[in-house]
Amino acid sequence: MHPIKPTFRTVLVTLLLWLFCQSAVAHPHSWIDTKTQILGNSQAIDGFKMEWTFDRMTTAYLFDGEDMSPEHRQQTLNTISASVIDNMRPSHDFTYLDEGKHSFKYQQVTDAKLKEVKGKAILSFTLLLKNPYLFDGKKLALRIFDPSYYVDMSWRAASDVQFASTLAPYCSSSLIEPHPTASQVNKAMSIPVDATPDTQLGKVFTQTLSFSCKHGPLLK
């Protein structure tokens, strides 16, 4: 009988337990390199195209016990990608676009794809805003993070987050690195493995893309 596939969160908690026995440093326990393309046109932002590359350890846990034989490999990848997307949904898809105190909502992801390259799982998907955002020059903030900070999610270079060619002429941006205080770092390192996750901790350690867009020519 094919084993029941654990959820993405279960995989990370299992990984957490293993690493806790190996190291005194409690967080993070999994690493994802993110690449993001912001979609839109001269008038509005539509959403994001994502490419997330998992570290080799997390990849091994994702595929553990799965049928990766040639005849079943694609179906297995499809099943895992759907599971990951479903389990991120309650946590705002790990993607937060804010204008001041307002956080934008998203449509359901329908095009998630998973592949393995050189021992690393790469998840790609499109995350569309529930309604296109008609921009007006106001500052927006984009952050990608696991709220509990079990997962370190980062743009490794400024070039890893870009505007689509149809949007780029109308936008300007800056990538802001996090600057947690010593007390926040100590808190992250001292959380017991069985503690209830602090859903605000991830925000403290995440990067922020600060950007704004101004109207271009009206679309015909």
N, C-alpha and C. Protein backbone atom coordinates (compact mmCIF):
# COMPACT_ATOMS: atom_id res chain seq x y z
N MET A 1 0.85 -1.19 0.00
CA MET A 1 0.00 0.00 0.00
C MET A 1 0.88 1.24 0.00
N HIS A 2 0.50 2.22 -0.83
CA HIS A 2 1.29 3.45 -0.91
C HIS A 2 1.15 4.24 0.38
N PRO A 3 2.24 4.70 0.98
CA PRO A 3 2.16 5.43 2.25
C PRO A 3 1.41 6.74 2.10
N ILE A 4 0.72 7.14 3.18
CA ILE A 4 0.01 8.41 3.18
C ILE A 4 1.02 9.54 3.17
N LYS A 5 0.82 10.49 2.24
CA LYS A 5 1.78 11.59 2.12
C LYS A 5 1.59 12.60 3.23
N PRO A 6 2.64 12.90 4.02
CA PRO A 6 2.52 13.93 5.05
C PRO A 6 2.37 15.30 4.42
N THR A 7 1.73 16.21 5.14
CA THR A 7 1.58 17.57 4.64
C THR A 7 2.91 18.27 4.68
N PHE A 8 2.98 19.40 3.97
CA PHE A 8 4.20 20.21 3.93
C PHE A 8 4.63 20.59 5.34
N ARG A 9 3.65 21.00 6.17
CA ARG A 9 3.98 21.39 7.54
C ARG A 9 4.52 20.21 8.33
N THR A 10 3.92 19.02 8.15
CA THR A 10 4.39 17.84 8.85
C THR A 10 5.82 17.52 8.46
N VAL A 11 6.12 17.65 7.18
CA VAL A 11 7.49 17.43 6.71
C VAL A 11 8.46 18.36 7.42
N LEU A 12 8.07 19.63 7.55
CA LEU A 12 8.97 20.61 8.16
C LEU A 12 9.12 20.35 9.65
N VAL A 13 8.04 19.94 10.31
CA VAL A 13 8.13 19.64 11.74
C VAL A 13 9.03 18.42 11.96
N THR A 14 8.91 17.41 11.09
CA THR A 14 9.79 16.25 11.19
C THR A 14 11.24 16.66 11.02
N LEU A 15 11.47 17.52 10.05
CA LEU A 15 12.82 18.03 9.81
C LEU A 15 13.30 18.82 11.02
N LEU A 16 12.41 19.59 11.60
CA LEU A 16 12.73 20.38 12.79
C LEU A 16 13.21 19.46 13.91
N LEU A 17 12.47 18.37 14.14
CA LEU A 17 12.82 17.45 15.22
C LEU A 17 14.20 16.83 15.00
N TRP A 18 14.49 16.48 13.75
CA TRP A 18 15.78 15.87 13.43
C TRP A 18 16.90 16.86 13.66
N LEU A 19 16.73 18.07 13.17
CA LEU A 19 17.80 19.05 13.28
C LEU A 19 17.99 19.53 14.72
N PHE A 20 16.91 19.53 15.49
CA PHE A 20 17.01 19.96 16.88
C PHE A 20 17.98 19.07 17.65
N CYS A 21 18.01 17.80 17.27
CA CYS A 21 18.92 16.87 17.94
C CYS A 21 20.37 17.07 17.48
N GLN A 22 20.55 17.74 16.33
CA GLN A 22 21.88 17.90 15.77
C GLN A 22 22.55 19.22 16.14
N SER A 23 21.75 20.21 16.52
CA SER A 23 22.31 21.55 16.67
C SER A 23 21.62 22.31 17.79
N ALA A 24 22.37 23.20 18.43
CA ALA A 24 21.77 24.03 19.48
C ALA A 24 21.01 25.20 18.90
N VAL A 25 21.21 25.49 17.63
CA VAL A 25 20.52 26.61 17.00
C VAL A 25 19.16 26.14 16.50
N ALA A 26 18.09 26.78 16.97
CA ALA A 26 16.75 26.24 16.73
C ALA A 26 16.14 26.64 15.40
N HIS A 27 16.45 27.78 14.86
CA HIS A 27 15.77 28.26 13.65
C HIS A 27 16.77 28.85 12.66
N PRO A 28 16.52 28.77 11.38
CA PRO A 28 15.47 27.99 10.70
C PRO A 28 15.91 26.55 10.48
N HIS A 29 15.04 25.76 9.87
CA HIS A 29 15.30 24.33 9.68
C HIS A 29 15.18 23.91 8.23
N SER A 30 14.80 24.80 7.40
CA SER A 30 14.66 24.51 5.98
C SER A 30 14.92 25.80 5.23
N TRP A 31 15.43 25.67 4.01
CA TRP A 31 15.82 26.86 3.25
C TRP A 31 15.22 26.81 1.85
N ILE A 32 14.66 27.92 1.43
CA ILE A 32 14.09 28.03 0.09
C ILE A 32 14.63 29.31 -0.56
N ASP A 33 15.27 29.14 -1.71
CA ASP A 33 15.71 30.29 -2.51
C ASP A 33 14.55 30.69 -3.42
N THR A 34 14.13 31.93 -3.33
CA THR A 34 12.96 32.37 -4.07
C THR A 34 13.34 33.27 -5.25
N LYS A 35 12.58 33.12 -6.32
CA LYS A 35 12.63 34.04 -7.45
C LYS A 35 11.20 34.47 -7.75
N THR A 36 11.01 35.77 -7.97
CA THR A 36 9.66 36.32 -8.13
C THR A 36 9.62 37.29 -9.29
N GLN A 37 8.61 37.12 -10.12
CA GLN A 37 8.33 38.10 -11.17
C GLN A 37 6.98 38.74 -10.85
N ILE A 38 6.96 40.06 -10.77
CA ILE A 38 5.72 40.79 -10.50
C ILE A 38 5.02 41.04 -11.82
N LEU A 39 3.77 40.63 -11.92
CA LEU A 39 3.00 40.70 -13.16
C LEU A 39 2.11 41.93 -13.20
N GLY A 40 1.91 42.47 -14.38
CA GLY A 40 1.01 43.62 -14.52
C GLY A 40 1.20 44.32 -15.83
N ASN A 41 0.66 45.55 -15.90
CA ASN A 41 0.76 46.36 -17.12
C ASN A 41 0.90 47.82 -16.72
N SER A 42 0.59 48.72 -17.61
CA SER A 42 0.80 50.15 -17.35
C SER A 42 -0.19 50.72 -16.35
N GLN A 43 -1.18 49.93 -15.95
CA GLN A 43 -2.22 50.44 -15.06
C GLN A 43 -2.36 49.66 -13.75
N ALA A 44 -1.97 48.40 -13.76
CA ALA A 44 -2.31 47.56 -12.61
C ALA A 44 -1.29 46.45 -12.39
N ILE A 45 -1.26 45.96 -11.15
CA ILE A 45 -0.50 44.77 -10.79
C ILE A 45 -1.47 43.60 -10.70
N ASP A 46 -1.11 42.49 -11.34
CA ASP A 46 -2.00 41.32 -11.39
C ASP A 46 -1.62 40.22 -10.41
N GLY A 47 -0.35 40.11 -10.07
CA GLY A 47 0.08 39.02 -9.19
C GLY A 47 1.54 38.71 -9.38
N PHE A 48 1.91 37.44 -9.14
CA PHE A 48 3.31 37.05 -9.12
C PHE A 48 3.52 35.68 -9.77
N LYS A 49 4.63 35.53 -10.46
CA LYS A 49 5.11 34.22 -10.88
C LYS A 49 6.26 33.84 -9.96
N MET A 50 6.15 32.66 -9.36
CA MET A 50 7.12 32.23 -8.36
C MET A 50 7.93 31.05 -8.85
N GLU A 51 9.19 31.02 -8.41
CA GLU A 51 10.03 29.83 -8.55
C GLU A 51 10.79 29.67 -7.23
N TRP A 52 10.48 28.61 -6.52
CA TRP A 52 11.08 28.37 -5.21
C TRP A 52 11.92 27.11 -5.25
N THR A 53 13.19 27.22 -4.88
CA THR A 53 14.11 26.09 -4.88
C THR A 53 14.40 25.65 -3.45
N PHE A 54 14.06 24.40 -3.14
CA PHE A 54 14.22 23.85 -1.80
C PHE A 54 15.64 23.31 -1.61
N ASP A 55 16.13 23.37 -0.39
CA ASP A 55 17.44 22.80 -0.11
C ASP A 55 17.37 21.27 -0.23
N ARG A 56 18.53 20.64 -0.31
CA ARG A 56 18.57 19.19 -0.56
C ARG A 56 17.95 18.37 0.56
N MET A 57 18.11 18.80 1.81
CA MET A 57 17.54 18.05 2.93
C MET A 57 16.01 18.06 2.86
N THR A 58 15.44 19.23 2.65
CA THR A 58 13.99 19.32 2.55
C THR A 58 13.48 18.55 1.35
N THR A 59 14.23 18.62 0.25
CA THR A 59 13.86 17.85 -0.94
C THR A 59 13.81 16.36 -0.62
N ALA A 60 14.78 15.89 0.12
CA ALA A 60 14.81 14.47 0.49
C ALA A 60 13.58 14.09 1.30
N TYR A 61 13.15 14.96 2.20
CA TYR A 61 11.96 14.69 3.00
C TYR A 61 10.70 14.75 2.15
N LEU A 62 10.65 15.67 1.21
CA LEU A 62 9.47 15.76 0.34
C LEU A 62 9.28 14.48 -0.46
N PHE A 63 10.38 13.88 -0.90
CA PHE A 63 10.32 12.71 -1.78
C PHE A 63 10.42 11.39 -1.02
N ASP A 64 10.64 11.46 0.29
CA ASP A 64 10.82 10.24 1.07
C ASP A 64 9.59 9.33 0.98
N GLY A 65 9.80 8.09 0.56
CA GLY A 65 8.72 7.12 0.49
C GLY A 65 7.84 7.24 -0.74
N GLU A 66 8.15 8.18 -1.61
CA GLU A 66 7.32 8.39 -2.80
C GLU A 66 7.82 7.53 -3.97
N ASP A 67 6.91 7.23 -4.86
CA ASP A 67 7.24 6.44 -6.05
C ASP A 67 7.79 7.37 -7.12
N MET A 68 9.11 7.38 -7.28
CA MET A 68 9.76 8.23 -8.26
C MET A 68 10.26 7.43 -9.46
N SER A 69 9.65 6.27 -9.68
CA SER A 69 9.99 5.48 -10.85
C SER A 69 9.56 6.24 -12.10
N PRO A 70 10.21 6.00 -13.23
CA PRO A 70 9.91 6.78 -14.44
C PRO A 70 8.43 6.82 -14.80
N GLU A 71 7.72 5.69 -14.64
CA GLU A 71 6.31 5.66 -15.06
C GLU A 71 5.38 6.38 -14.10
N HIS A 72 5.83 6.64 -12.86
CA HIS A 72 4.99 7.32 -11.87
C HIS A 72 5.55 8.67 -11.41
N ARG A 73 6.72 9.02 -11.89
CA ARG A 73 7.41 10.21 -11.40
C ARG A 73 6.57 11.48 -11.56
N GLN A 74 6.00 11.71 -12.73
CA GLN A 74 5.27 12.96 -12.96
C GLN A 74 4.04 13.06 -12.08
N GLN A 75 3.31 11.94 -11.92
CA GLN A 75 2.15 11.97 -11.06
C GLN A 75 2.54 12.24 -9.61
N THR A 76 3.66 11.67 -9.20
CA THR A 76 4.15 11.92 -7.85
C THR A 76 4.49 13.40 -7.65
N LEU A 77 5.17 13.98 -8.61
CA LEU A 77 5.52 15.40 -8.53
C LEU A 77 4.27 16.26 -8.49
N ASN A 78 3.26 15.90 -9.29
CA ASN A 78 2.00 16.66 -9.30
C ASN A 78 1.31 16.59 -7.94
N THR A 79 1.31 15.42 -7.34
CA THR A 79 0.66 15.22 -6.05
C THR A 79 1.35 16.02 -4.95
N ILE A 80 2.68 15.99 -4.95
CA ILE A 80 3.43 16.72 -3.93
C ILE A 80 3.23 18.22 -4.10
N SER A 81 3.29 18.72 -5.33
CA SER A 81 3.13 20.16 -5.54
C SER A 81 1.75 20.63 -5.09
N ALA A 82 0.72 19.83 -5.36
CA ALA A 82 -0.63 20.19 -4.91
C ALA A 82 -0.71 20.21 -3.39
N SER A 83 -0.03 19.26 -2.74
CA SER A 83 -0.03 19.21 -1.28
C SER A 83 0.65 20.43 -0.68
N VAL A 84 1.80 20.81 -1.25
CA VAL A 84 2.52 21.99 -0.76
C VAL A 84 1.66 23.24 -0.89
N ILE A 85 1.04 23.43 -2.05
CA ILE A 85 0.20 24.61 -2.27
C ILE A 85 -0.98 24.63 -1.31
N ASP A 86 -1.64 23.48 -1.14
CA ASP A 86 -2.81 23.41 -0.25
C ASP A 86 -2.44 23.77 1.18
N ASN A 87 -1.26 23.36 1.61
CA ASN A 87 -0.88 23.58 3.00
C ASN A 87 -0.28 24.95 3.25
N MET A 88 0.06 25.68 2.18
CA MET A 88 0.49 27.06 2.35
C MET A 88 -0.71 28.01 2.38
N ARG A 89 -1.82 27.57 1.80
CA ARG A 89 -2.98 28.44 1.63
C ARG A 89 -3.44 29.11 2.94
N PRO A 90 -3.56 28.37 4.05
CA PRO A 90 -4.00 29.02 5.29
C PRO A 90 -3.02 30.05 5.83
N SER A 91 -1.77 29.99 5.37
CA SER A 91 -0.75 30.96 5.80
C SER A 91 -0.51 32.00 4.73
N HIS A 92 -1.59 32.38 4.02
CA HIS A 92 -1.54 33.46 3.02
C HIS A 92 -0.55 33.15 1.91
N ASP A 93 -0.41 31.87 1.60
CA ASP A 93 0.51 31.42 0.56
C ASP A 93 1.95 31.86 0.80
N PHE A 94 2.27 32.17 2.07
CA PHE A 94 3.61 32.62 2.46
C PHE A 94 4.00 33.92 1.74
N THR A 95 3.04 34.60 1.13
CA THR A 95 3.33 35.78 0.31
C THR A 95 2.44 36.93 0.75
N TYR A 96 3.06 38.03 1.16
CA TYR A 96 2.32 39.15 1.72
C TYR A 96 2.61 40.41 0.91
N LEU A 97 1.58 40.92 0.27
CA LEU A 97 1.67 42.21 -0.43
C LEU A 97 0.81 43.19 0.35
N ASP A 98 1.43 44.24 0.86
CA ASP A 98 0.74 45.19 1.73
C ASP A 98 0.86 46.61 1.22
N GLU A 99 -0.21 47.35 1.40
CA GLU A 99 -0.20 48.80 1.22
C GLU A 99 -0.62 49.38 2.56
N GLY A 100 0.35 49.88 3.30
CA GLY A 100 0.06 50.31 4.67
C GLY A 100 -0.37 49.11 5.50
N LYS A 101 -1.56 49.19 6.09
CA LYS A 101 -2.07 48.11 6.92
C LYS A 101 -2.96 47.14 6.14
N HIS A 102 -3.14 47.40 4.85
CA HIS A 102 -4.00 46.55 4.02
C HIS A 102 -3.17 45.47 3.33
N SER A 103 -3.58 44.21 3.51
CA SER A 103 -2.91 43.09 2.88
C SER A 103 -3.81 42.51 1.79
N PHE A 104 -3.26 42.34 0.61
CA PHE A 104 -4.05 41.89 -0.54
C PHE A 104 -4.26 40.37 -0.51
N LYS A 105 -5.40 39.93 -1.04
CA LYS A 105 -5.74 38.52 -1.08
C LYS A 105 -5.51 37.96 -2.48
N TYR A 106 -5.46 36.62 -2.56
CA TYR A 106 -5.10 35.96 -3.81
C TYR A 106 -6.17 34.97 -4.27
N GLN A 107 -6.11 34.68 -5.56
CA GLN A 107 -6.91 33.60 -6.11
C GLN A 107 -6.26 32.26 -5.79
N GLN A 108 -7.02 31.20 -6.02
CA GLN A 108 -6.49 29.86 -5.82
C GLN A 108 -5.44 29.56 -6.90
N VAL A 109 -4.33 28.96 -6.49
CA VAL A 109 -3.29 28.56 -7.44
C VAL A 109 -3.77 27.35 -8.23
N THR A 110 -3.60 27.41 -9.55
CA THR A 110 -4.07 26.31 -10.40
C THR A 110 -2.97 25.75 -11.32
N ASP A 111 -1.78 26.32 -11.29
CA ASP A 111 -0.75 25.90 -12.26
C ASP A 111 0.55 25.46 -11.59
N ALA A 112 0.48 24.99 -10.36
CA ALA A 112 1.70 24.61 -9.65
C ALA A 112 2.40 23.44 -10.33
N LYS A 113 3.72 23.53 -10.44
CA LYS A 113 4.52 22.47 -11.04
C LYS A 113 5.76 22.25 -10.18
N LEU A 114 6.14 20.99 -10.07
CA LEU A 114 7.31 20.63 -9.27
C LEU A 114 8.26 19.80 -10.13
N LYS A 115 9.55 20.12 -10.01
CA LYS A 115 10.56 19.33 -10.70
C LYS A 115 11.76 19.19 -9.77
N GLU A 116 12.67 18.29 -10.14
CA GLU A 116 13.89 18.09 -9.36
C GLU A 116 15.09 18.32 -10.26
N VAL A 117 15.97 19.20 -9.82
CA VAL A 117 17.17 19.52 -10.57
C VAL A 117 18.38 19.43 -9.63
N LYS A 118 19.28 18.54 -9.93
CA LYS A 118 20.51 18.37 -9.15
C LYS A 118 20.22 18.18 -7.66
N GLY A 119 19.23 17.35 -7.37
CA GLY A 119 18.92 17.01 -5.99
C GLY A 119 18.10 18.03 -5.24
N LYS A 120 17.61 19.05 -5.93
CA LYS A 120 16.78 20.08 -5.30
C LYS A 120 15.42 20.15 -5.97
N ALA A 121 14.38 20.21 -5.16
CA ALA A 121 13.03 20.38 -5.67
C ALA A 121 12.80 21.85 -6.01
N ILE A 122 12.20 22.09 -7.17
CA ILE A 122 11.89 23.45 -7.60
C ILE A 122 10.39 23.55 -7.87
N LEU A 123 9.72 24.39 -7.11
CA LEU A 123 8.28 24.59 -7.23
C LEU A 123 8.03 25.91 -7.96
N SER A 124 7.22 25.86 -9.02
CA SER A 124 6.84 27.08 -9.73
C SER A 124 5.32 27.19 -9.75
N PHE A 125 4.82 28.41 -9.64
CA PHE A 125 3.38 28.63 -9.65
C PHE A 125 3.09 30.11 -9.86
N THR A 126 1.86 30.40 -10.25
CA THR A 126 1.41 31.78 -10.43
C THR A 126 0.42 32.11 -9.33
N LEU A 127 0.67 33.23 -8.66
CA LEU A 127 -0.20 33.68 -7.57
C LEU A 127 -0.84 35.00 -8.00
N LEU A 128 -2.09 34.92 -8.43
CA LEU A 128 -2.79 36.11 -8.92
C LEU A 128 -3.56 36.79 -7.80
N LEU A 129 -3.57 38.12 -7.81
CA LEU A 129 -4.37 38.86 -6.86
C LEU A 129 -5.85 38.57 -7.08
N LYS A 130 -6.60 38.59 -6.00
CA LYS A 130 -8.04 38.36 -6.12
C LYS A 130 -8.66 39.38 -7.05
N ASN A 131 -8.18 40.61 -6.97
CA ASN A 131 -8.57 41.68 -7.89
C ASN A 131 -7.32 42.45 -8.29
N PRO A 132 -7.12 42.77 -9.57
CA PRO A 132 -5.95 43.56 -9.96
C PRO A 132 -5.87 44.84 -9.15
N TYR A 133 -4.65 45.22 -8.80
CA TYR A 133 -4.44 46.44 -8.02
C TYR A 133 -4.10 47.58 -8.97
N LEU A 134 -5.00 48.56 -9.05
CA LEU A 134 -4.76 49.75 -9.87
C LEU A 134 -3.83 50.67 -9.10
N PHE A 135 -2.59 50.74 -9.55
CA PHE A 135 -1.61 51.47 -8.76
C PHE A 135 -1.71 52.99 -8.95
N ASP A 136 -1.25 53.71 -7.93
CA ASP A 136 -1.38 55.17 -7.92
C ASP A 136 -0.16 55.85 -7.30
N GLY A 137 0.98 55.17 -7.33
CA GLY A 137 2.19 55.76 -6.80
C GLY A 137 2.44 55.51 -5.33
N LYS A 138 1.48 54.87 -4.63
CA LYS A 138 1.67 54.60 -3.21
C LYS A 138 2.67 53.47 -3.01
N LYS A 139 3.34 53.49 -1.86
CA LYS A 139 4.34 52.48 -1.55
C LYS A 139 3.67 51.14 -1.23
N LEU A 140 4.21 50.08 -1.81
CA LEU A 140 3.78 48.72 -1.52
C LEU A 140 4.96 47.96 -0.92
N ALA A 141 4.65 46.94 -0.14
CA ALA A 141 5.69 46.10 0.46
C ALA A 141 5.38 44.64 0.16
N LEU A 142 6.34 43.94 -0.43
CA LEU A 142 6.20 42.52 -0.72
C LEU A 142 7.17 41.73 0.16
N ARG A 143 6.61 40.75 0.86
CA ARG A 143 7.42 39.88 1.71
C ARG A 143 7.02 38.43 1.46
N ILE A 144 8.00 37.54 1.44
CA ILE A 144 7.73 36.11 1.31
C ILE A 144 8.37 35.42 2.51
N PHE A 145 7.53 34.81 3.35
CA PHE A 145 8.09 34.16 4.54
C PHE A 145 7.11 33.17 5.14
N ASP A 146 7.68 32.19 5.82
CA ASP A 146 6.91 31.27 6.66
C ASP A 146 6.69 31.97 7.99
N PRO A 147 5.44 32.23 8.39
CA PRO A 147 5.19 33.01 9.61
C PRO A 147 5.87 32.45 10.85
N SER A 148 6.02 31.13 10.94
CA SER A 148 6.61 30.53 12.13
C SER A 148 8.14 30.55 12.11
N TYR A 149 8.71 30.87 10.93
CA TYR A 149 10.16 30.91 10.73
C TYR A 149 10.80 29.53 10.83
N TYR A 150 10.05 28.47 10.55
CA TYR A 150 10.68 27.17 10.38
C TYR A 150 11.46 27.13 9.07
N VAL A 151 11.09 27.99 8.14
CA VAL A 151 11.69 28.00 6.82
C VAL A 151 12.32 29.36 6.55
N ASP A 152 13.57 29.37 6.12
CA ASP A 152 14.22 30.59 5.68
C ASP A 152 13.95 30.75 4.19
N MET A 153 13.24 31.80 3.81
CA MET A 153 12.90 32.06 2.42
C MET A 153 13.53 33.38 2.02
N SER A 154 14.36 33.35 0.97
CA SER A 154 15.13 34.56 0.65
C SER A 154 15.32 34.72 -0.85
N TRP A 155 15.33 35.98 -1.29
CA TRP A 155 15.86 36.33 -2.60
C TRP A 155 17.37 36.45 -2.41
N ARG A 156 18.14 35.62 -3.08
CA ARG A 156 19.58 35.62 -2.86
C ARG A 156 20.26 36.82 -3.48
N ALA A 157 19.64 37.43 -4.47
CA ALA A 157 20.18 38.64 -5.11
C ALA A 157 19.00 39.52 -5.50
N ALA A 158 19.28 40.82 -5.65
CA ALA A 158 18.22 41.75 -6.03
C ALA A 158 17.59 41.36 -7.36
N SER A 159 18.37 40.74 -8.23
CA SER A 159 17.86 40.34 -9.54
C SER A 159 16.88 39.17 -9.47
N ASP A 160 16.74 38.56 -8.30
CA ASP A 160 15.82 37.43 -8.15
C ASP A 160 14.37 37.88 -8.01
N VAL A 161 14.15 39.17 -7.90
CA VAL A 161 12.78 39.70 -7.93
C VAL A 161 12.74 40.79 -8.99
N GLN A 162 11.87 40.62 -9.97
CA GLN A 162 11.84 41.51 -11.12
C GLN A 162 10.39 41.84 -11.50
N PHE A 163 10.24 42.92 -12.24
CA PHE A 163 8.95 43.28 -12.80
C PHE A 163 8.85 42.73 -14.23
N ALA A 164 7.65 42.26 -14.58
CA ALA A 164 7.42 41.84 -15.96
C ALA A 164 7.70 43.01 -16.90
N SER A 165 8.09 42.71 -18.13
CA SER A 165 8.44 43.76 -19.09
C SER A 165 7.29 44.73 -19.33
N THR A 166 6.06 44.25 -19.20
CA THR A 166 4.88 45.12 -19.40
C THR A 166 4.64 46.06 -18.22
N LEU A 167 5.33 45.81 -17.12
CA LEU A 167 5.13 46.60 -15.89
C LEU A 167 6.37 47.41 -15.53
N ALA A 168 7.54 46.89 -15.86
CA ALA A 168 8.80 47.47 -15.41
C ALA A 168 8.97 48.97 -15.67
N PRO A 169 8.54 49.51 -16.83
CA PRO A 169 8.78 50.94 -17.08
C PRO A 169 8.08 51.87 -16.10
N TYR A 170 7.12 51.37 -15.36
CA TYR A 170 6.29 52.23 -14.52
C TYR A 170 6.58 52.08 -13.03
N CYS A 171 7.57 51.27 -12.68
CA CYS A 171 7.80 50.95 -11.27
C CYS A 171 9.25 51.18 -10.86
N SER A 172 9.43 51.47 -9.59
CA SER A 172 10.75 51.56 -8.99
C SER A 172 10.72 50.79 -7.67
N SER A 173 11.88 50.26 -7.27
CA SER A 173 11.88 49.40 -6.09
C SER A 173 13.22 49.43 -5.38
N SER A 174 13.21 48.95 -4.15
CA SER A 174 14.44 48.72 -3.39
C SER A 174 14.24 47.50 -2.51
N LEU A 175 15.30 46.69 -2.38
CA LEU A 175 15.24 45.49 -1.56
C LEU A 175 15.86 45.78 -0.21
N ILE A 176 15.07 45.60 0.83
CA ILE A 176 15.49 45.94 2.19
C ILE A 176 15.76 44.66 2.97
N GLU A 177 16.97 44.53 3.48
CA GLU A 177 17.33 43.35 4.27
C GLU A 177 16.81 43.50 5.70
N PRO A 178 16.49 42.39 6.35
CA PRO A 178 15.99 42.47 7.73
C PRO A 178 17.10 42.83 8.70
N HIS A 179 16.72 43.47 9.79
CA HIS A 179 17.68 43.84 10.84
C HIS A 179 17.08 43.52 12.20
N PRO A 180 16.96 42.23 12.52
CA PRO A 180 16.40 41.86 13.83
C PRO A 180 17.31 42.32 14.96
N THR A 181 16.71 42.61 16.09
CA THR A 181 17.48 43.00 17.27
C THR A 181 18.11 41.76 17.90
N ALA A 182 19.04 42.00 18.78
CA ALA A 182 19.69 40.89 19.48
C ALA A 182 18.67 40.08 20.27
N SER A 183 17.71 40.75 20.89
CA SER A 183 16.70 40.03 21.68
C SER A 183 15.82 39.17 20.78
N GLN A 184 15.52 39.65 19.58
CA GLN A 184 14.71 38.86 18.64
C GLN A 184 15.47 37.63 18.16
N VAL A 185 16.77 37.79 17.91
CA VAL A 185 17.59 36.64 17.51
C VAL A 185 17.66 35.63 18.64
N ASN A 186 17.87 36.10 19.86
CA ASN A 186 17.95 35.20 21.01
C ASN A 186 16.63 34.46 21.21
N LYS A 187 15.52 35.16 20.98
CA LYS A 187 14.21 34.52 21.12
C LYS A 187 14.06 33.40 20.09
N ALA A 188 14.45 33.68 18.86
CA ALA A 188 14.33 32.67 17.80
C ALA A 188 15.18 31.44 18.09
N MET A 189 16.34 31.65 18.70
CA MET A 189 17.26 30.54 18.96
C MET A 189 16.89 29.75 20.20
N SER A 190 16.01 30.31 21.05
CA SER A 190 15.70 29.65 22.32
C SER A 190 14.32 29.02 22.36
N ILE A 191 13.54 29.11 21.27
CA ILE A 191 12.20 28.54 21.28
C ILE A 191 12.28 27.03 21.36
N PRO A 192 11.61 26.41 22.34
CA PRO A 192 11.63 24.94 22.43
C PRO A 192 11.01 24.29 21.21
N VAL A 193 11.44 23.08 20.91
CA VAL A 193 10.97 22.40 19.71
C VAL A 193 9.48 22.13 19.76
N ASP A 194 8.90 21.99 20.97
CA ASP A 194 7.48 21.66 21.09
C ASP A 194 6.63 22.89 21.37
N ALA A 195 7.20 24.09 21.24
CA ALA A 195 6.45 25.32 21.51
C ALA A 195 5.46 25.61 20.39
N THR A 196 4.39 26.30 20.72
CA THR A 196 3.44 26.77 19.71
C THR A 196 4.15 27.80 18.83
N PRO A 197 4.11 27.63 17.50
CA PRO A 197 4.83 28.57 16.62
C PRO A 197 4.40 30.02 16.83
N ASP A 198 5.37 30.91 16.83
CA ASP A 198 5.11 32.34 16.89
C ASP A 198 4.90 32.82 15.46
N THR A 199 3.66 33.12 15.11
CA THR A 199 3.34 33.44 13.71
C THR A 199 3.81 34.83 13.30
N GLN A 200 4.39 35.59 14.21
CA GLN A 200 4.93 36.89 13.87
C GLN A 200 6.45 36.87 13.71
N LEU A 201 7.05 35.74 14.06
CA LEU A 201 8.51 35.68 14.08
C LEU A 201 9.10 35.75 12.67
N GLY A 202 8.46 35.09 11.72
CA GLY A 202 8.98 35.08 10.36
C GLY A 202 9.13 36.46 9.76
N LYS A 203 8.19 37.35 10.07
CA LYS A 203 8.21 38.70 9.51
C LYS A 203 9.45 39.48 9.97
N VAL A 204 9.91 39.18 11.17
CA VAL A 204 11.06 39.89 11.72
C VAL A 204 12.33 39.60 10.91
N PHE A 205 12.41 38.39 10.36
CA PHE A 205 13.64 37.96 9.71
C PHE A 205 13.57 37.98 8.19
N THR A 206 12.49 38.52 7.63
CA THR A 206 12.33 38.44 6.19
C THR A 206 12.75 39.71 5.48
N GLN A 207 13.10 39.57 4.20
CA GLN A 207 13.39 40.72 3.36
C GLN A 207 12.08 41.41 2.95
N THR A 208 12.21 42.67 2.57
CA THR A 208 11.06 43.43 2.08
C THR A 208 11.41 44.08 0.76
N LEU A 209 10.58 43.85 -0.25
CA LEU A 209 10.71 44.62 -1.48
C LEU A 209 9.76 45.81 -1.36
N SER A 210 10.33 46.98 -1.25
CA SER A 210 9.54 48.21 -1.21
C SER A 210 9.48 48.78 -2.62
N PHE A 211 8.26 48.99 -3.13
CA PHE A 211 8.16 49.48 -4.50
C PHE A 211 6.89 50.31 -4.69
N SER A 212 6.90 51.08 -5.76
CA SER A 212 5.73 51.87 -6.14
C SER A 212 5.68 51.95 -7.66
N CYS A 213 4.47 52.14 -8.19
CA CYS A 213 4.27 52.21 -9.63
C CYS A 213 3.36 53.38 -9.96
N LYS A 214 3.65 54.03 -11.08
CA LYS A 214 2.85 55.16 -11.54
C LYS A 214 2.20 54.80 -12.87
N HIS A 215 1.04 55.37 -13.10
CA HIS A 215 0.29 55.06 -14.32
C HIS A 215 1.08 55.39 -15.58
N GLY A 216 0.97 54.50 -16.56
CA GLY A 216 1.50 54.75 -17.89
C GLY A 216 0.35 55.01 -18.83
N PRO A 217 0.56 54.86 -20.14
CA PRO A 217 -0.50 55.08 -21.12
C PRO A 217 -1.67 54.13 -20.88
N LEU A 218 -2.88 54.62 -21.10
CA LEU A 218 -4.07 53.79 -20.95
C LEU A 218 -4.06 52.68 -21.98
N LEU A 219 -4.48 51.49 -21.56
CA LEU A 219 -4.54 50.36 -22.44
C LEU A 219 -5.70 50.51 -23.41
N LYS A 220 -5.50 50.12 -24.64
CA LYS A 220 -6.57 50.19 -25.64
C LYS A 220 -7.43 48.94 -25.58
